[in-house]
Amino acid sequence: MKLIIAYIQPHKLNDIKQELFKTGVTKMSVTNALGCGQQMGYHESYRGVDIEVNLLKKVRIEIGINETFVEPTVEAIIRGARTGNIGDGKIFVTNLEQCIRIRSGETGNTAIG
């Protein structure tokens, strides 16, 4: 079992969801996040005051999947998120030690679905 965490541009969420649905991945958690990376933010002026904005809006997607879905899921996220510009995002793949479905008590691969 693996946990895929992706940080993406907010406007690319629908594209990524469509690509994931095409590959058969329909279960995910989505949260709003703030962060900075290579983009390093930007400067803007508000009422004559220069403001440095270094935490940019991102969306965090978390997907728990079985081993066979790792590559198709990562490729779907890349297809949906890639613009070729700095700030497209990052994908982290980590081992998922345990998964438990609360309703039925199922554990492991069967709990992920």
N, C-alpha and C. Protein backbone atom coordinates (compact mmCIF):
# COMPACT_ATOMS: atom_id res chain seq x y z
N MET A 1 0.85 -1.18 0.00
CA MET A 1 0.00 0.00 0.00
C MET A 1 0.89 1.23 0.00
N LYS A 2 0.44 2.25 -0.71
CA LYS A 2 1.19 3.50 -0.82
C LYS A 2 0.26 4.68 -0.55
N LEU A 3 0.85 5.77 -0.09
CA LEU A 3 0.15 7.03 0.07
C LEU A 3 0.79 8.03 -0.87
N ILE A 4 0.00 8.56 -1.79
CA ILE A 4 0.49 9.56 -2.72
C ILE A 4 -0.02 10.92 -2.25
N ILE A 5 0.91 11.85 -2.07
CA ILE A 5 0.58 13.22 -1.69
C ILE A 5 1.07 14.12 -2.80
N ALA A 6 0.18 14.93 -3.35
CA ALA A 6 0.56 15.84 -4.43
C ALA A 6 0.16 17.26 -4.05
N TYR A 7 1.08 18.19 -4.27
CA TYR A 7 0.80 19.62 -4.14
C TYR A 7 0.73 20.21 -5.53
N ILE A 8 -0.40 20.83 -5.85
CA ILE A 8 -0.63 21.29 -7.22
C ILE A 8 -1.19 22.71 -7.22
N GLN A 9 -1.22 23.29 -8.41
CA GLN A 9 -1.86 24.59 -8.61
C GLN A 9 -3.37 24.42 -8.45
N PRO A 10 -4.05 25.33 -7.75
CA PRO A 10 -5.49 25.18 -7.53
C PRO A 10 -6.31 25.07 -8.82
N HIS A 11 -5.93 25.80 -9.85
CA HIS A 11 -6.72 25.79 -11.09
C HIS A 11 -6.55 24.50 -11.89
N LYS A 12 -5.63 23.61 -11.50
CA LYS A 12 -5.43 22.35 -12.21
C LYS A 12 -6.17 21.18 -11.56
N LEU A 13 -6.90 21.43 -10.47
CA LEU A 13 -7.56 20.35 -9.74
C LEU A 13 -8.55 19.58 -10.62
N ASN A 14 -9.39 20.28 -11.36
CA ASN A 14 -10.37 19.59 -12.20
C ASN A 14 -9.72 18.75 -13.28
N ASP A 15 -8.63 19.25 -13.88
CA ASP A 15 -7.90 18.48 -14.88
C ASP A 15 -7.34 17.19 -14.28
N ILE A 16 -6.79 17.30 -13.09
CA ILE A 16 -6.22 16.13 -12.43
C ILE A 16 -7.31 15.13 -12.07
N LYS A 17 -8.45 15.62 -11.54
CA LYS A 17 -9.55 14.72 -11.21
C LYS A 17 -10.02 13.96 -12.45
N GLN A 18 -10.14 14.63 -13.57
CA GLN A 18 -10.56 13.97 -14.81
C GLN A 18 -9.56 12.89 -15.23
N GLU A 19 -8.27 13.20 -15.13
CA GLU A 19 -7.24 12.21 -15.50
C GLU A 19 -7.27 11.02 -14.54
N LEU A 20 -7.47 11.28 -13.25
CA LEU A 20 -7.53 10.18 -12.28
C LEU A 20 -8.75 9.30 -12.53
N PHE A 21 -9.90 9.90 -12.83
CA PHE A 21 -11.10 9.12 -13.09
C PHE A 21 -10.92 8.24 -14.32
N LYS A 22 -10.19 8.72 -15.33
CA LYS A 22 -9.91 7.92 -16.53
C LYS A 22 -9.09 6.67 -16.19
N THR A 23 -8.23 6.77 -15.17
CA THR A 23 -7.40 5.62 -14.78
C THR A 23 -8.06 4.75 -13.73
N GLY A 24 -9.26 5.12 -13.28
CA GLY A 24 -9.99 4.30 -12.32
C GLY A 24 -9.76 4.69 -10.87
N VAL A 25 -9.12 5.82 -10.63
CA VAL A 25 -8.90 6.28 -9.26
C VAL A 25 -9.97 7.32 -8.94
N THR A 26 -10.85 6.98 -7.98
CA THR A 26 -11.96 7.88 -7.67
C THR A 26 -11.95 8.35 -6.21
N LYS A 27 -11.09 7.75 -5.38
CA LYS A 27 -11.07 8.09 -3.96
C LYS A 27 -9.86 8.96 -3.66
N MET A 28 -10.11 10.11 -3.05
CA MET A 28 -9.02 11.03 -2.72
C MET A 28 -9.48 12.01 -1.66
N SER A 29 -8.53 12.62 -1.00
CA SER A 29 -8.80 13.72 -0.08
C SER A 29 -8.14 14.96 -0.65
N VAL A 30 -8.85 16.08 -0.59
CA VAL A 30 -8.34 17.33 -1.15
C VAL A 30 -8.45 18.41 -0.08
N THR A 31 -7.34 19.12 0.15
CA THR A 31 -7.33 20.22 1.11
C THR A 31 -6.59 21.40 0.51
N ASN A 32 -6.93 22.60 0.97
CA ASN A 32 -6.20 23.79 0.57
C ASN A 32 -4.94 23.89 1.40
N ALA A 33 -3.87 24.38 0.78
CA ALA A 33 -2.60 24.51 1.48
C ALA A 33 -1.90 25.79 1.04
N LEU A 34 -0.95 26.23 1.84
CA LEU A 34 -0.09 27.35 1.49
C LEU A 34 1.34 26.84 1.49
N GLY A 35 2.15 27.32 0.56
CA GLY A 35 3.54 26.89 0.54
C GLY A 35 4.36 27.65 -0.48
N CYS A 36 5.65 27.42 -0.41
CA CYS A 36 6.54 28.01 -1.40
C CYS A 36 7.66 27.03 -1.68
N GLY A 37 8.14 27.11 -2.87
CA GLY A 37 9.23 26.25 -3.30
C GLY A 37 10.14 27.06 -4.20
N GLN A 38 10.41 26.53 -5.37
CA GLN A 38 11.29 27.19 -6.32
C GLN A 38 10.71 28.52 -6.80
N GLN A 39 9.39 28.65 -6.78
CA GLN A 39 8.72 29.88 -7.20
C GLN A 39 9.12 31.06 -6.33
N MET A 40 9.26 30.82 -5.04
CA MET A 40 9.69 31.80 -4.04
C MET A 40 8.76 33.00 -3.93
N GLY A 41 7.52 32.89 -4.32
CA GLY A 41 6.54 33.94 -4.11
C GLY A 41 6.65 35.07 -5.12
N TYR A 42 6.04 36.20 -4.77
CA TYR A 42 6.04 37.36 -5.66
C TYR A 42 5.84 38.62 -4.83
N HIS A 43 6.03 39.79 -5.45
CA HIS A 43 5.81 41.08 -4.80
C HIS A 43 4.58 41.73 -5.42
N GLU A 44 3.82 42.40 -4.60
CA GLU A 44 2.71 43.19 -5.12
C GLU A 44 2.61 44.46 -4.28
N SER A 45 1.95 45.44 -4.85
CA SER A 45 1.80 46.72 -4.17
C SER A 45 0.33 46.90 -3.81
N TYR A 46 0.08 47.22 -2.54
CA TYR A 46 -1.28 47.46 -2.08
C TYR A 46 -1.30 48.81 -1.39
N ARG A 47 -2.04 49.72 -1.98
CA ARG A 47 -2.14 51.10 -1.48
C ARG A 47 -0.76 51.73 -1.24
N GLY A 48 0.13 51.48 -2.20
CA GLY A 48 1.45 52.08 -2.15
C GLY A 48 2.46 51.36 -1.27
N VAL A 49 2.04 50.28 -0.62
CA VAL A 49 2.95 49.53 0.24
C VAL A 49 3.35 48.25 -0.48
N ASP A 50 4.66 48.03 -0.56
CA ASP A 50 5.18 46.82 -1.21
C ASP A 50 5.02 45.64 -0.27
N ILE A 51 4.35 44.59 -0.75
CA ILE A 51 4.08 43.40 0.06
C ILE A 51 4.74 42.20 -0.60
N GLU A 52 5.48 41.43 0.18
CA GLU A 52 6.09 40.21 -0.33
C GLU A 52 5.18 39.04 0.03
N VAL A 53 4.71 38.35 -0.98
CA VAL A 53 3.85 37.19 -0.78
C VAL A 53 4.69 35.96 -1.09
N ASN A 54 5.13 35.23 -0.05
CA ASN A 54 5.98 34.07 -0.31
C ASN A 54 5.29 32.74 0.00
N LEU A 55 4.08 32.78 0.53
CA LEU A 55 3.30 31.56 0.68
C LEU A 55 2.17 31.61 -0.33
N LEU A 56 2.26 30.74 -1.32
CA LEU A 56 1.31 30.73 -2.42
C LEU A 56 0.23 29.68 -2.17
N LYS A 57 -0.95 29.91 -2.75
CA LYS A 57 -2.05 28.96 -2.60
C LYS A 57 -1.76 27.71 -3.42
N LYS A 58 -1.92 26.57 -2.79
CA LYS A 58 -1.76 25.26 -3.42
C LYS A 58 -2.92 24.38 -2.99
N VAL A 59 -3.06 23.25 -3.64
CA VAL A 59 -4.03 22.24 -3.26
C VAL A 59 -3.27 20.96 -2.96
N ARG A 60 -3.61 20.32 -1.85
CA ARG A 60 -2.97 19.06 -1.47
C ARG A 60 -3.95 17.92 -1.74
N ILE A 61 -3.50 16.95 -2.50
CA ILE A 61 -4.29 15.77 -2.81
C ILE A 61 -3.62 14.58 -2.13
N GLU A 62 -4.40 13.79 -1.40
CA GLU A 62 -3.88 12.58 -0.78
C GLU A 62 -4.68 11.39 -1.30
N ILE A 63 -3.96 10.37 -1.74
CA ILE A 63 -4.60 9.18 -2.30
C ILE A 63 -3.91 7.94 -1.72
N GLY A 64 -4.67 7.10 -1.04
CA GLY A 64 -4.17 5.82 -0.57
C GLY A 64 -4.52 4.77 -1.61
N ILE A 65 -3.50 4.05 -2.11
CA ILE A 65 -3.73 3.09 -3.20
C ILE A 65 -2.93 1.82 -2.99
N ASN A 66 -3.35 0.78 -3.70
CA ASN A 66 -2.62 -0.48 -3.73
C ASN A 66 -1.44 -0.34 -4.69
N GLU A 67 -0.46 -1.21 -4.55
CA GLU A 67 0.79 -1.14 -5.32
C GLU A 67 0.56 -1.07 -6.84
N THR A 68 -0.43 -1.79 -7.35
CA THR A 68 -0.62 -1.84 -8.80
C THR A 68 -1.08 -0.51 -9.39
N PHE A 69 -1.61 0.38 -8.56
CA PHE A 69 -2.12 1.67 -9.06
C PHE A 69 -1.12 2.82 -8.92
N VAL A 70 0.08 2.56 -8.40
CA VAL A 70 1.03 3.65 -8.13
C VAL A 70 1.40 4.38 -9.42
N GLU A 71 1.95 3.66 -10.39
CA GLU A 71 2.41 4.31 -11.63
C GLU A 71 1.28 4.98 -12.40
N PRO A 72 0.14 4.31 -12.63
CA PRO A 72 -0.95 4.99 -13.35
C PRO A 72 -1.45 6.25 -12.62
N THR A 73 -1.46 6.22 -11.29
CA THR A 73 -1.92 7.37 -10.53
C THR A 73 -0.94 8.54 -10.65
N VAL A 74 0.34 8.26 -10.50
CA VAL A 74 1.36 9.31 -10.62
C VAL A 74 1.34 9.90 -12.03
N GLU A 75 1.24 9.05 -13.04
CA GLU A 75 1.21 9.54 -14.42
C GLU A 75 -0.03 10.39 -14.68
N ALA A 76 -1.17 10.02 -14.11
CA ALA A 76 -2.39 10.80 -14.29
C ALA A 76 -2.26 12.17 -13.64
N ILE A 77 -1.65 12.23 -12.46
CA ILE A 77 -1.46 13.52 -11.80
C ILE A 77 -0.53 14.40 -12.63
N ILE A 78 0.53 13.82 -13.15
CA ILE A 78 1.46 14.59 -13.98
C ILE A 78 0.77 15.11 -15.23
N ARG A 79 -0.01 14.25 -15.90
CA ARG A 79 -0.72 14.69 -17.12
C ARG A 79 -1.66 15.85 -16.82
N GLY A 80 -2.35 15.79 -15.69
CA GLY A 80 -3.31 16.83 -15.36
C GLY A 80 -2.69 18.12 -14.84
N ALA A 81 -1.51 18.02 -14.21
CA ALA A 81 -0.93 19.18 -13.54
C ALA A 81 0.12 19.92 -14.35
N ARG A 82 0.75 19.26 -15.30
CA ARG A 82 1.91 19.84 -15.97
C ARG A 82 1.54 20.99 -16.90
N THR A 83 2.20 22.13 -16.66
CA THR A 83 2.12 23.27 -17.58
C THR A 83 3.48 23.57 -18.18
N GLY A 84 4.54 23.04 -17.55
CA GLY A 84 5.90 23.31 -18.01
C GLY A 84 6.52 24.51 -17.33
N ASN A 85 5.80 25.14 -16.42
CA ASN A 85 6.30 26.32 -15.73
C ASN A 85 6.67 25.98 -14.29
N ILE A 86 7.50 26.82 -13.69
CA ILE A 86 7.82 26.66 -12.27
C ILE A 86 6.52 26.79 -11.47
N GLY A 87 6.35 25.92 -10.48
CA GLY A 87 5.17 25.97 -9.64
C GLY A 87 4.12 24.94 -9.98
N ASP A 88 4.43 24.03 -10.92
CA ASP A 88 3.47 22.97 -11.26
C ASP A 88 3.16 22.07 -10.08
N GLY A 89 4.12 21.88 -9.18
CA GLY A 89 3.85 21.11 -7.97
C GLY A 89 4.83 19.99 -7.74
N LYS A 90 4.53 19.17 -6.75
CA LYS A 90 5.35 18.04 -6.37
C LYS A 90 4.46 16.85 -6.03
N ILE A 91 5.01 15.65 -6.21
CA ILE A 91 4.31 14.42 -5.85
C ILE A 91 5.23 13.63 -4.93
N PHE A 92 4.69 13.19 -3.79
CA PHE A 92 5.44 12.36 -2.85
C PHE A 92 4.74 11.00 -2.77
N VAL A 93 5.52 9.93 -2.83
CA VAL A 93 4.99 8.58 -2.70
C VAL A 93 5.65 7.95 -1.48
N THR A 94 4.83 7.59 -0.49
CA THR A 94 5.36 6.99 0.73
C THR A 94 4.67 5.66 1.01
N ASN A 95 5.33 4.85 1.81
CA ASN A 95 4.72 3.58 2.22
C ASN A 95 3.59 3.86 3.19
N LEU A 96 2.53 3.09 3.04
CA LEU A 96 1.38 3.20 3.93
C LEU A 96 1.34 1.92 4.76
N GLU A 97 1.62 2.07 6.02
CA GLU A 97 1.76 0.91 6.89
C GLU A 97 0.45 0.17 7.13
N GLN A 98 -0.63 0.92 7.36
CA GLN A 98 -1.90 0.29 7.69
C GLN A 98 -3.05 1.16 7.21
N CYS A 99 -4.12 0.52 6.83
CA CYS A 99 -5.35 1.21 6.46
C CYS A 99 -6.51 0.42 7.07
N ILE A 100 -7.41 1.14 7.73
CA ILE A 100 -8.55 0.50 8.38
C ILE A 100 -9.82 1.22 7.96
N ARG A 101 -10.78 0.47 7.44
CA ARG A 101 -12.08 1.04 7.11
C ARG A 101 -12.92 1.02 8.39
N ILE A 102 -13.30 2.18 8.86
CA ILE A 102 -13.98 2.31 10.15
C ILE A 102 -15.33 1.59 10.14
N ARG A 103 -16.09 1.75 9.06
CA ARG A 103 -17.44 1.17 9.01
C ARG A 103 -17.44 -0.34 9.19
N SER A 104 -16.55 -1.03 8.49
CA SER A 104 -16.60 -2.50 8.50
C SER A 104 -15.47 -3.17 9.28
N GLY A 105 -14.43 -2.39 9.60
CA GLY A 105 -13.30 -2.98 10.30
C GLY A 105 -12.30 -3.66 9.39
N GLU A 106 -12.52 -3.61 8.07
CA GLU A 106 -11.56 -4.21 7.13
C GLU A 106 -10.21 -3.51 7.26
N THR A 107 -9.15 -4.28 7.01
CA THR A 107 -7.81 -3.72 7.08
C THR A 107 -7.02 -4.05 5.81
N GLY A 108 -5.94 -3.32 5.61
CA GLY A 108 -5.03 -3.59 4.50
C GLY A 108 -5.59 -3.21 3.14
N ASN A 109 -5.21 -4.00 2.14
CA ASN A 109 -5.60 -3.72 0.74
C ASN A 109 -7.11 -3.67 0.53
N THR A 110 -7.85 -4.51 1.23
CA THR A 110 -9.31 -4.50 1.06
C THR A 110 -9.94 -3.25 1.60
N ALA A 111 -9.31 -2.62 2.60
CA ALA A 111 -9.87 -1.38 3.16
C ALA A 111 -9.67 -0.21 2.22
N ILE A 112 -8.60 -0.24 1.43
CA ILE A 112 -8.37 0.86 0.48
C ILE A 112 -9.40 0.82 -0.63
N GLY A 113 -9.67 -0.35 -1.13
CA GLY A 113 -10.70 -0.49 -2.15
C GLY A 113 -10.21 -0.49 -3.55
